[in-house]
Amino acid sequence: SGVLAVELLTPGPYQPGLRWRETRKMFGMKATEEMM
């Protein structure tokens, strides 16, 4: 419920090296982080 959007940056299955951007609402503001 805290995640507003997800953008996959690398194709393929869940494994080391998979990257995505995750946008959440934190402290009343939208924040996007790149996760790996």
Full PDB file with SEQRES, HELIX, SHEET, SSBOND, CRYST1, ORIGX, SCALE, CONECT and MASTER records, all heavy atoms in Angstrom:
SEQRES   1 A   36  SER GLY VAL LEU ALA VAL GLU LEU LEU THR PRO GLY PRO          
SEQRES   2 A   36  TYR GLN PRO GLY LEU ARG TRP ARG GLU THR ARG LYS MET          
SEQRES   3 A   36  PHE GLY MET LYS ALA THR GLU GLU MET MET                      
SHEET    1 AA1 3 VAL A   3  LEU A   8  0                                        
SHEET    2 AA1 3 TRP A  20  MET A  26 -1                                        
SHEET    3 AA1 3 MET A  29  MET A  35 -1                                        
CRYST1    1.000    1.000    1.000  90.00  90.00  90.00 P 1           1          
ORIGX1      1.000000  0.000000  0.000000        0.00000                         
ORIGX2      0.000000  1.000000  0.000000        0.00000                         
ORIGX3      0.000000  0.000000  1.000000        0.00000                         
SCALE1      1.000000  0.000000  0.000000        0.00000                         
SCALE2      0.000000  1.000000  0.000000        0.00000                         
SCALE3      0.000000  0.000000  1.000000        0.00000                         
ATOM      1  N   SER A   1       0.812  -1.222   0.000  1.00  0.00           N  
ATOM      2  CA  SER A   1       0.000   0.000   0.000  1.00  0.00           C  
ATOM      3  C   SER A   1       0.846   1.273   0.000  1.00  0.00           C  
ATOM      4  O   SER A   1       0.370   2.316  -0.439  1.00  0.00           O  
ATOM      5  CB  SER A   1      -0.964  -0.015   1.188  1.00  0.00           C  
ATOM      6  OG  SER A   1      -0.266  -0.162   2.409  1.00  0.00           O  
ATOM      7  N   GLY A   2       2.095   1.196   0.452  1.00  0.00           N  
ATOM      8  CA  GLY A   2       2.955   2.373   0.466  1.00  0.00           C  
ATOM      9  C   GLY A   2       3.670   2.639  -0.845  1.00  0.00           C  
ATOM     10  O   GLY A   2       4.296   3.678  -1.018  1.00  0.00           O  
ATOM     11  N   VAL A   3       3.587   1.715  -1.794  1.00  0.00           N  
ATOM     12  CA  VAL A   3       4.269   1.877  -3.084  1.00  0.00           C  
ATOM     13  C   VAL A   3       3.278   2.401  -4.112  1.00  0.00           C  
ATOM     14  O   VAL A   3       2.233   1.809  -4.341  1.00  0.00           O  
ATOM     15  CB  VAL A   3       4.902   0.544  -3.549  1.00  0.00           C  
ATOM     16  CG1 VAL A   3       5.481   0.673  -4.951  1.00  0.00           C  
ATOM     17  CG2 VAL A   3       5.985   0.105  -2.574  1.00  0.00           C  
ATOM     18  N   LEU A   4       3.628   3.510  -4.739  1.00  0.00           N  
ATOM     19  CA  LEU A   4       2.759   4.134  -5.736  1.00  0.00           C  
ATOM     20  C   LEU A   4       3.029   3.617  -7.144  1.00  0.00           C  
ATOM     21  O   LEU A   4       2.114   3.522  -7.955  1.00  0.00           O  
ATOM     22  CB  LEU A   4       2.948   5.651  -5.712  1.00  0.00           C  
ATOM     23  CG  LEU A   4       2.685   6.336  -4.366  1.00  0.00           C  
ATOM     24  CD1 LEU A   4       3.059   7.807  -4.444  1.00  0.00           C  
ATOM     25  CD2 LEU A   4       1.239   6.156  -3.951  1.00  0.00           C  
ATOM     26  N   ALA A   5       4.305   3.308  -7.444  1.00  0.00           N  
ATOM     27  CA  ALA A   5       4.670   2.862  -8.793  1.00  0.00           C  
ATOM     28  C   ALA A   5       5.972   2.081  -8.758  1.00  0.00           C  
ATOM     29  O   ALA A   5       6.805   2.294  -7.881  1.00  0.00           O  
ATOM     30  CB  ALA A   5       4.820   4.061  -9.730  1.00  0.00           C  
ATOM     31  N   VAL A   6       6.122   1.197  -9.735  1.00  0.00           N  
ATOM     32  CA  VAL A   6       7.345   0.409  -9.921  1.00  0.00           C  
ATOM     33  C   VAL A   6       7.710   0.459 -11.398  1.00  0.00           C  
ATOM     34  O   VAL A   6       6.849   0.279 -12.257  1.00  0.00           O  
ATOM     35  CB  VAL A   6       7.139  -1.065  -9.488  1.00  0.00           C  
ATOM     36  CG1 VAL A   6       8.336  -1.909  -9.880  1.00  0.00           C  
ATOM     37  CG2 VAL A   6       6.880  -1.163  -7.998  1.00  0.00           C  
ATOM     38  N   GLU A   7       8.987   0.703 -11.672  1.00  0.00           N  
ATOM     39  CA  GLU A   7       9.495   0.689 -13.046  1.00  0.00           C  
ATOM     40  C   GLU A   7      10.694  -0.255 -13.093  1.00  0.00           C  
ATOM     41  O   GLU A   7      11.735   0.031 -12.478  1.00  0.00           O  
ATOM     42  CB  GLU A   7       9.932   2.092 -13.465  1.00  0.00           C  
ATOM     43  CG  GLU A   7      10.563   2.151 -14.828  1.00  0.00           C  
ATOM     44  CD  GLU A   7      11.233   3.487 -15.127  1.00  0.00           C  
ATOM     45  OE1 GLU A   7      11.221   4.398 -14.284  1.00  0.00           O  
ATOM     46  OE2 GLU A   7      11.793   3.588 -16.241  1.00  0.00           O  
ATOM     47  N   LEU A   8      10.548  -1.380 -13.776  1.00  0.00           N  
ATOM     48  CA  LEU A   8      11.660  -2.316 -13.919  1.00  0.00           C  
ATOM     49  C   LEU A   8      12.728  -1.702 -14.820  1.00  0.00           C  
ATOM     50  O   LEU A   8      12.406  -1.157 -15.872  1.00  0.00           O  
ATOM     51  CB  LEU A   8      11.191  -3.638 -14.505  1.00  0.00           C  
ATOM     52  CG  LEU A   8      10.407  -4.535 -13.548  1.00  0.00           C  
ATOM     53  CD1 LEU A   8       9.844  -5.733 -14.280  1.00  0.00           C  
ATOM     54  CD2 LEU A   8      11.272  -4.971 -12.389  1.00  0.00           C  
ATOM     55  N   LEU A   9      13.980  -1.796 -14.396  1.00  0.00           N  
ATOM     56  CA  LEU A   9      15.092  -1.247 -15.169  1.00  0.00           C  
ATOM     57  C   LEU A   9      15.894  -2.330 -15.878  1.00  0.00           C  
ATOM     58  O   LEU A   9      16.622  -2.029 -16.826  1.00  0.00           O  
ATOM     59  CB  LEU A   9      16.017  -0.436 -14.250  1.00  0.00           C  
ATOM     60  CG  LEU A   9      15.351   0.739 -13.544  1.00  0.00           C  
ATOM     61  CD1 LEU A   9      16.322   1.392 -12.565  1.00  0.00           C  
ATOM     62  CD2 LEU A   9      14.831   1.762 -14.546  1.00  0.00           C  
ATOM     63  N   THR A  10      15.795  -3.564 -15.395  1.00  0.00           N  
ATOM     64  CA  THR A  10      16.468  -4.687 -16.038  1.00  0.00           C  
ATOM     65  C   THR A  10      15.444  -5.786 -16.272  1.00  0.00           C  
ATOM     66  O   THR A  10      14.579  -6.020 -15.431  1.00  0.00           O  
ATOM     67  CB  THR A  10      17.637  -5.230 -15.181  1.00  0.00           C  
ATOM     68  OG1 THR A  10      17.143  -5.567 -13.890  1.00  0.00           O  
ATOM     69  CG2 THR A  10      18.748  -4.223 -15.053  1.00  0.00           C  
ATOM     70  N   PRO A  11      15.538  -6.468 -17.398  1.00  0.00           N  
ATOM     71  CA  PRO A  11      14.599  -7.556 -17.673  1.00  0.00           C  
ATOM     72  C   PRO A  11      15.023  -8.828 -16.940  1.00  0.00           C  
ATOM     73  O   PRO A  11      16.151  -8.938 -16.461  1.00  0.00           O  
ATOM     74  CB  PRO A  11      14.722  -7.744 -19.186  1.00  0.00           C  
ATOM     75  CG  PRO A  11      16.136  -7.336 -19.485  1.00  0.00           C  
ATOM     76  CD  PRO A  11      16.455  -6.233 -18.505  1.00  0.00           C  
ATOM     77  N   GLY A  12      14.107  -9.760 -16.869  1.00  0.00           N  
ATOM     78  CA  GLY A  12      14.454 -11.077 -16.359  1.00  0.00           C  
ATOM     79  C   GLY A  12      13.871 -11.379 -15.000  1.00  0.00           C  
ATOM     80  O   GLY A  12      13.136 -10.572 -14.423  1.00  0.00           O  
ATOM     81  N   PRO A  13      14.232 -12.568 -14.494  1.00  0.00           N  
ATOM     82  CA  PRO A  13      13.669 -13.033 -13.226  1.00  0.00           C  
ATOM     83  C   PRO A  13      14.299 -12.324 -12.027  1.00  0.00           C  
ATOM     84  O   PRO A  13      15.296 -11.610 -12.159  1.00  0.00           O  
ATOM     85  CB  PRO A  13      14.019 -14.526 -13.220  1.00  0.00           C  
ATOM     86  CG  PRO A  13      15.291 -14.597 -14.011  1.00  0.00           C  
ATOM     87  CD  PRO A  13      15.139 -13.543 -15.088  1.00  0.00           C  
ATOM     88  N   TYR A  14      13.717 -12.585 -10.865  1.00  0.00           N  
ATOM     89  CA  TYR A  14      14.252 -12.048  -9.611  1.00  0.00           C  
ATOM     90  C   TYR A  14      15.558 -12.777  -9.314  1.00  0.00           C  
ATOM     91  O   TYR A  14      15.568 -13.981  -9.051  1.00  0.00           O  
ATOM     92  CB  TYR A  14      13.248 -12.270  -8.477  1.00  0.00           C  
ATOM     93  CG  TYR A  14      13.656 -11.565  -7.202  1.00  0.00           C  
ATOM     94  CD1 TYR A  14      13.194 -10.282  -6.938  1.00  0.00           C  
ATOM     95  CD2 TYR A  14      14.497 -12.170  -6.286  1.00  0.00           C  
ATOM     96  CE1 TYR A  14      13.564  -9.620  -5.786  1.00  0.00           C  
ATOM     97  CE2 TYR A  14      14.874 -11.514  -5.139  1.00  0.00           C  
ATOM     98  CZ  TYR A  14      14.413 -10.239  -4.888  1.00  0.00           C  
ATOM     99  OH  TYR A  14      14.792  -9.588  -3.743  1.00  0.00           O  
ATOM    100  N   GLN A  15      16.654 -12.037  -9.393  1.00  0.00           N  
ATOM    101  CA  GLN A  15      17.980 -12.589  -9.137  1.00  0.00           C  
ATOM    102  C   GLN A  15      18.935 -11.427  -8.885  1.00  0.00           C  
ATOM    103  O   GLN A  15      18.589 -10.273  -9.149  1.00  0.00           O  
ATOM    104  CB  GLN A  15      18.455 -13.412 -10.335  1.00  0.00           C  
ATOM    105  CG  GLN A  15      18.621 -12.594 -11.597  1.00  0.00           C  
ATOM    106  CD  GLN A  15      18.957 -13.460 -12.801  1.00  0.00           C  
ATOM    107  OE1 GLN A  15      18.906 -14.670 -12.748  1.00  0.00           O  
ATOM    108  NE2 GLN A  15      19.295 -12.816 -13.903  1.00  0.00           N  
ATOM    109  N   PRO A  16      20.144 -11.710  -8.367  1.00  0.00           N  
ATOM    110  CA  PRO A  16      21.099 -10.623  -8.158  1.00  0.00           C  
ATOM    111  C   PRO A  16      21.318  -9.829  -9.433  1.00  0.00           C  
ATOM    112  O   PRO A  16      21.421 -10.393 -10.525  1.00  0.00           O  
ATOM    113  CB  PRO A  16      22.375 -11.365  -7.718  1.00  0.00           C  
ATOM    114  CG  PRO A  16      21.851 -12.593  -7.023  1.00  0.00           C  
ATOM    115  CD  PRO A  16      20.644 -12.993  -7.859  1.00  0.00           C  
ATOM    116  N   GLY A  17      21.324  -8.507  -9.277  1.00  0.00           N  
ATOM    117  CA  GLY A  17      21.481  -7.606 -10.419  1.00  0.00           C  
ATOM    118  C   GLY A  17      20.180  -7.007 -10.912  1.00  0.00           C  
ATOM    119  O   GLY A  17      20.204  -5.996 -11.615  1.00  0.00           O  
ATOM    120  N   LEU A  18      19.027  -7.612 -10.551  1.00  0.00           N  
ATOM    121  CA  LEU A  18      17.739  -7.040 -10.957  1.00  0.00           C  
ATOM    122  C   LEU A  18      17.616  -5.651 -10.343  1.00  0.00           C  
ATOM    123  O   LEU A  18      17.848  -5.464  -9.149  1.00  0.00           O  
ATOM    124  CB  LEU A  18      16.579  -7.919 -10.485  1.00  0.00           C  
ATOM    125  CG  LEU A  18      15.184  -7.396 -10.864  1.00  0.00           C  
ATOM    126  CD1 LEU A  18      14.942  -7.540 -12.364  1.00  0.00           C  
ATOM    127  CD2 LEU A  18      14.111  -8.124 -10.078  1.00  0.00           C  
ATOM    128  N   ARG A  19      17.240  -4.667 -11.174  1.00  0.00           N  
ATOM    129  CA  ARG A  19      17.103  -3.280 -10.711  1.00  0.00           C  
ATOM    130  C   ARG A  19      15.728  -2.744 -11.074  1.00  0.00           C  
ATOM    131  O   ARG A  19      15.175  -3.085 -12.116  1.00  0.00           O  
ATOM    132  CB  ARG A  19      18.182  -2.403 -11.350  1.00  0.00           C  
ATOM    133  CG  ARG A  19      19.578  -2.736 -10.904  1.00  0.00           C  
ATOM    134  CD  ARG A  19      20.684  -1.871 -11.546  1.00  0.00           C  
ATOM    135  NE  ARG A  19      20.247  -0.591 -12.057  1.00  0.00           N  
ATOM    136  CZ  ARG A  19      20.252  -0.250 -13.352  1.00  0.00           C  
ATOM    137  NH1 ARG A  19      20.634  -1.091 -14.277  1.00  0.00           N  
ATOM    138  NH2 ARG A  19      19.855   0.941 -13.724  1.00  0.00           N  
ATOM    139  N   TRP A  20      15.209  -1.857 -10.201  1.00  0.00           N  
ATOM    140  CA  TRP A  20      13.938  -1.201 -10.457  1.00  0.00           C  
ATOM    141  C   TRP A  20      13.894   0.112  -9.699  1.00  0.00           C  
ATOM    142  O   TRP A  20      14.650   0.348  -8.772  1.00  0.00           O  
ATOM    143  CB  TRP A  20      12.764  -2.097 -10.081  1.00  0.00           C  
ATOM    144  CG  TRP A  20      12.579  -2.336  -8.605  1.00  0.00           C  
ATOM    145  CD1 TRP A  20      11.746  -1.664  -7.751  1.00  0.00           C  
ATOM    146  CD2 TRP A  20      13.236  -3.329  -7.796  1.00  0.00           C  
ATOM    147  NE1 TRP A  20      11.848  -2.171  -6.478  1.00  0.00           N  
ATOM    148  CE2 TRP A  20      12.748  -3.196  -6.489  1.00  0.00           C  
ATOM    149  CE3 TRP A  20      14.188  -4.309  -8.060  1.00  0.00           C  
ATOM    150  CZ2 TRP A  20      13.188  -4.002  -5.436  1.00  0.00           C  
ATOM    151  CZ3 TRP A  20      14.625  -5.108  -7.026  1.00  0.00           C  
ATOM    152  CH2 TRP A  20      14.122  -4.949  -5.736  1.00  0.00           C  
ATOM    153  N   ARG A  21      12.989   0.983 -10.155  1.00  0.00           N  
ATOM    154  CA  ARG A  21      12.697   2.223  -9.436  1.00  0.00           C  
ATOM    155  C   ARG A  21      11.368   2.027  -8.721  1.00  0.00           C  
ATOM    156  O   ARG A  21      10.401   1.544  -9.320  1.00  0.00           O  
ATOM    157  CB  ARG A  21      12.596   3.409 -10.392  1.00  0.00           C  
ATOM    158  CG  ARG A  21      13.914   3.921 -10.834  1.00  0.00           C  
ATOM    159  CD  ARG A  21      13.793   5.288 -11.540  1.00  0.00           C  
ATOM    160  NE  ARG A  21      15.023   5.573 -12.230  1.00  0.00           N  
ATOM    161  CZ  ARG A  21      15.242   5.365 -13.527  1.00  0.00           C  
ATOM    162  NH1 ARG A  21      14.270   4.910 -14.289  1.00  0.00           N  
ATOM    163  NH2 ARG A  21      16.409   5.625 -14.058  1.00  0.00           N  
ATOM    164  N   GLU A  22      11.361   2.423  -7.470  1.00  0.00           N  
ATOM    165  CA  GLU A  22      10.168   2.277  -6.647  1.00  0.00           C  
ATOM    166  C   GLU A  22       9.794   3.654  -6.123  1.00  0.00           C  
ATOM    167  O   GLU A  22      10.628   4.338  -5.531  1.00  0.00           O  
ATOM    168  CB  GLU A  22      10.497   1.331  -5.485  1.00  0.00           C  
ATOM    169  CG  GLU A  22       9.354   0.990  -4.603  1.00  0.00           C  
ATOM    170  CD  GLU A  22       9.769  -0.053  -3.576  1.00  0.00           C  
ATOM    171  OE1 GLU A  22       9.903  -1.234  -3.956  1.00  0.00           O  
ATOM    172  OE2 GLU A  22       9.969   0.327  -2.414  1.00  0.00           O  
ATOM    173  N   THR A  23       8.558   4.067  -6.360  1.00  0.00           N  
ATOM    174  CA  THR A  23       8.079   5.359  -5.879  1.00  0.00           C  
ATOM    175  C   THR A  23       7.132   5.123  -4.723  1.00  0.00           C  
ATOM    176  O   THR A  23       6.163   4.363  -4.839  1.00  0.00           O  
ATOM    177  CB  THR A  23       7.360   6.145  -6.998  1.00  0.00           C  
ATOM    178  OG1 THR A  23       8.276   6.329  -8.089  1.00  0.00           O  
ATOM    179  CG2 THR A  23       6.878   7.503  -6.504  1.00  0.00           C  
ATOM    180  N   ARG A  24       7.431   5.769  -3.594  1.00  0.00           N  
ATOM    181  CA  ARG A  24       6.628   5.669  -2.379  1.00  0.00           C  
ATOM    182  C   ARG A  24       6.250   7.063  -1.912  1.00  0.00           C  
ATOM    183  O   ARG A  24       6.885   8.040  -2.267  1.00  0.00           O  
ATOM    184  CB  ARG A  24       7.438   5.034  -1.237  1.00  0.00           C  
ATOM    185  CG  ARG A  24       7.686   3.568  -1.382  1.00  0.00           C  
ATOM    186  CD  ARG A  24       8.485   3.071  -0.180  1.00  0.00           C  
ATOM    187  NE  ARG A  24       8.619   1.643  -0.204  1.00  0.00           N  
ATOM    188  CZ  ARG A  24       7.885   0.812   0.525  1.00  0.00           C  
ATOM    189  NH1 ARG A  24       6.996   1.279   1.370  1.00  0.00           N  
ATOM    190  NH2 ARG A  24       8.052  -0.489   0.435  1.00  0.00           N  
ATOM    191  N   LYS A  25       5.261   7.093  -1.060  1.00  0.00           N  
ATOM    192  CA  LYS A  25       4.940   8.332  -0.374  1.00  0.00           C  
ATOM    193  C   LYS A  25       5.530   8.213   1.029  1.00  0.00           C  
ATOM    194  O   LYS A  25       5.147   7.337   1.802  1.00  0.00           O  
ATOM    195  CB  LYS A  25       3.435   8.560  -0.311  1.00  0.00           C  
ATOM    196  CG  LYS A  25       3.059   9.944   0.141  1.00  0.00           C  
ATOM    197  CD  LYS A  25       1.617  10.266  -0.153  1.00  0.00           C  
ATOM    198  CE  LYS A  25       1.386  11.739   0.102  1.00  0.00           C  
ATOM    199  NZ  LYS A  25       0.030  12.128  -0.243  1.00  0.00           N  
ATOM    200  N   MET A  26       6.504   9.054   1.327  1.00  0.00           N  
ATOM    201  CA  MET A  26       7.170   9.069   2.630  1.00  0.00           C  
ATOM    202  C   MET A  26       7.214  10.501   3.139  1.00  0.00           C  
ATOM    203  O   MET A  26       7.534  11.415   2.381  1.00  0.00           O  
ATOM    204  CB  MET A  26       8.602   8.526   2.524  1.00  0.00           C  
ATOM    205  CG  MET A  26       8.706   7.047   2.206  1.00  0.00           C  
ATOM    206  SD  MET A  26       8.221   5.969   3.546  1.00  0.00           S  
ATOM    207  CE  MET A  26       9.525   6.234   4.715  1.00  0.00           C  
ATOM    208  N   PHE A  27       6.905  10.671   4.400  1.00  0.00           N  
ATOM    209  CA  PHE A  27       6.924  11.998   5.017  1.00  0.00           C  
ATOM    210  C   PHE A  27       6.050  12.983   4.243  1.00  0.00           C  
ATOM    211  O   PHE A  27       6.378  14.151   4.111  1.00  0.00           O  
ATOM    212  CB  PHE A  27       8.355  12.534   5.139  1.00  0.00           C  
ATOM    213  CG  PHE A  27       9.310  11.576   5.788  1.00  0.00           C  
ATOM    214  CD1 PHE A  27      10.308  10.956   5.045  1.00  0.00           C  
ATOM    215  CD2 PHE A  27       9.190  11.258   7.128  1.00  0.00           C  
ATOM    216  CE1 PHE A  27      11.180  10.063   5.638  1.00  0.00           C  
ATOM    217  CE2 PHE A  27      10.065  10.364   7.724  1.00  0.00           C  
ATOM    218  CZ  PHE A  27      11.055   9.766   6.987  1.00  0.00           C  
ATOM    219  N   GLY A  28       4.949  12.471   3.677  1.00  0.00           N  
ATOM    220  CA  GLY A  28       4.007  13.312   2.959  1.00  0.00           C  
ATOM    221  C   GLY A  28       4.443  13.696   1.556  1.00  0.00           C  
ATOM    222  O   GLY A  28       3.781  14.495   0.904  1.00  0.00           O  
ATOM    223  N   MET A  29       5.576  13.148   1.089  1.00  0.00           N  
ATOM    224  CA  MET A  29       6.076  13.491  -0.240  1.00  0.00           C  
ATOM    225  C   MET A  29       6.358  12.215  -1.027  1.00  0.00           C  
ATOM    226  O   MET A  29       6.625  11.175  -0.449  1.00  0.00           O  
ATOM    227  CB  MET A  29       7.375  14.293  -0.136  1.00  0.00           C  
ATOM    228  CG  MET A  29       7.230  15.612   0.605  1.00  0.00           C  
ATOM    229  SD  MET A  29       8.805  16.501   0.715  1.00  0.00           S  
ATOM    230  CE  MET A  29       9.803  15.380   1.673  1.00  0.00           C  
ATOM    231  N   LYS A  30       6.322  12.333  -2.363  1.00  0.00           N  
ATOM    232  CA  LYS A  30       6.716  11.214  -3.214  1.00  0.00           C  
ATOM    233  C   LYS A  30       8.236  11.131  -3.234  1.00  0.00           C  
ATOM    234  O   LYS A  30       8.917  12.156  -3.357  1.00  0.00           O  
ATOM    235  CB  LYS A  30       6.219  11.409  -4.645  1.00  0.00           C  
ATOM    236  CG  LYS A  30       4.758  11.128  -4.836  1.00  0.00           C  
ATOM    237  CD  LYS A  30       4.430  11.234  -6.312  1.00  0.00           C  
ATOM    238  CE  LYS A  30       2.949  11.079  -6.554  1.00  0.00           C  
ATOM    239  NZ  LYS A  30       2.630  11.207  -7.981  1.00  0.00           N  
ATOM    240  N   ALA A  31       8.737   9.915  -3.131  1.00  0.00           N  
ATOM    241  CA  ALA A  31      10.178   9.690  -3.226  1.00  0.00           C  
ATOM    242  C   ALA A  31      10.409   8.462  -4.098  1.00  0.00           C  
ATOM    243  O   ALA A  31       9.740   7.448  -3.924  1.00  0.00           O  
ATOM    244  CB  ALA A  31      10.774   9.472  -1.842  1.00  0.00           C  
ATOM    245  N   THR A  32      11.330   8.578  -5.036  1.00  0.00           N  
ATOM    246  CA  THR A  32      11.659   7.472  -5.919  1.00  0.00           C  
ATOM    247  C   THR A  32      13.088   7.041  -5.643  1.00  0.00           C  
ATOM    248  O   THR A  32      13.996   7.875  -5.632  1.00  0.00           O  
ATOM    249  CB  THR A  32      11.497   7.871  -7.398  1.00  0.00           C  
ATOM    250  OG1 THR A  32      10.143   8.275  -7.609  1.00  0.00           O  
ATOM    251  CG2 THR A  32      11.833   6.719  -8.329  1.00  0.00           C  
ATOM    252  N   GLU A  33      13.261   5.756  -5.418  1.00  0.00           N  
ATOM    253  CA  GLU A  33      14.580   5.179  -5.151  1.00  0.00           C  
ATOM    254  C   GLU A  33      14.854   4.087  -6.168  1.00  0.00           C  
ATOM    255  O   GLU A  33      13.944   3.355  -6.555  1.00  0.00           O  
ATOM    256  CB  GLU A  33      14.636   4.567  -3.747  1.00  0.00           C  
ATOM    257  CG  GLU A  33      14.387   5.539  -2.622  1.00  0.00           C  
ATOM    258  CD  GLU A  33      15.491   6.572  -2.444  1.00  0.00           C  
ATOM    259  OE1 GLU A  33      16.637   6.315  -2.866  1.00  0.00           O  
ATOM    260  OE2 GLU A  33      15.196   7.637  -1.891  1.00  0.00           O  
ATOM    261  N   GLU A  34      16.109   3.971  -6.570  1.00  0.00           N  
ATOM    262  CA  GLU A  34      16.515   2.858  -7.419  1.00  0.00           C  
ATOM    263  C   GLU A  34      16.980   1.723  -6.516  1.00  0.00           C  
ATOM    264  O   GLU A  34      17.842   1.915  -5.665  1.00  0.00           O  
ATOM    265  CB  GLU A  34      17.628   3.269  -8.370  1.00  0.00           C  
ATOM    266  CG  GLU A  34      17.968   2.167  -9.347  1.00  0.00           C  
ATOM    267  CD  GLU A  34      18.926   2.605 -10.436  1.00  0.00           C  
ATOM    268  OE1 GLU A  34      18.698   3.676 -11.030  1.00  0.00           O  
ATOM    269  OE2 GLU A  34      19.888   1.858 -10.692  1.00  0.00           O  
ATOM    270  N   MET A  35      16.372   0.566  -6.685  1.00  0.00           N  
ATOM    271  CA  MET A  35      16.645  -0.595  -5.852  1.00  0.00           C  
ATOM    272  C   MET A  35      17.353  -1.656  -6.694  1.00  0.00           C  
ATOM    273  O   MET A  35      17.178  -1.701  -7.913  1.00  0.00           O  
ATOM    274  CB  MET A  35      15.333  -1.189  -5.336  1.00  0.00           C  
ATOM    275  CG  MET A  35      14.290  -0.175  -4.904  1.00  0.00           C  
ATOM    276  SD  MET A  35      14.653   0.569  -3.347  1.00  0.00           S  
ATOM    277  CE  MET A  35      14.018  -0.691  -2.286  1.00  0.00           C  
ATOM    278  N   MET A  36      18.128  -2.513  -6.002  1.00  0.00           N  
ATOM    279  CA  MET A  36      18.806  -3.599  -6.692  1.00  0.00           C  
ATOM    280  C   MET A  36      18.875  -4.823  -5.788  1.00  0.00           C  
ATOM    281  O   MET A  36      19.131  -4.709  -4.584  1.00  0.00           O  
ATOM    282  CB  MET A  36      20.218  -3.200  -7.090  1.00  0.00           C  
ATOM    283  CG  MET A  36      20.910  -4.279  -7.917  1.00  0.00           C  
ATOM    284  SD  MET A  36      22.623  -3.881  -8.340  1.00  0.00           S  
ATOM    285  CE  MET A  36      23.439  -4.302  -6.828  1.00  0.00           C  
TER     286      MET A  36                                                      
MASTER        0    0    0    0    3    0    0    6  285    1    0    3          
END                                                                             
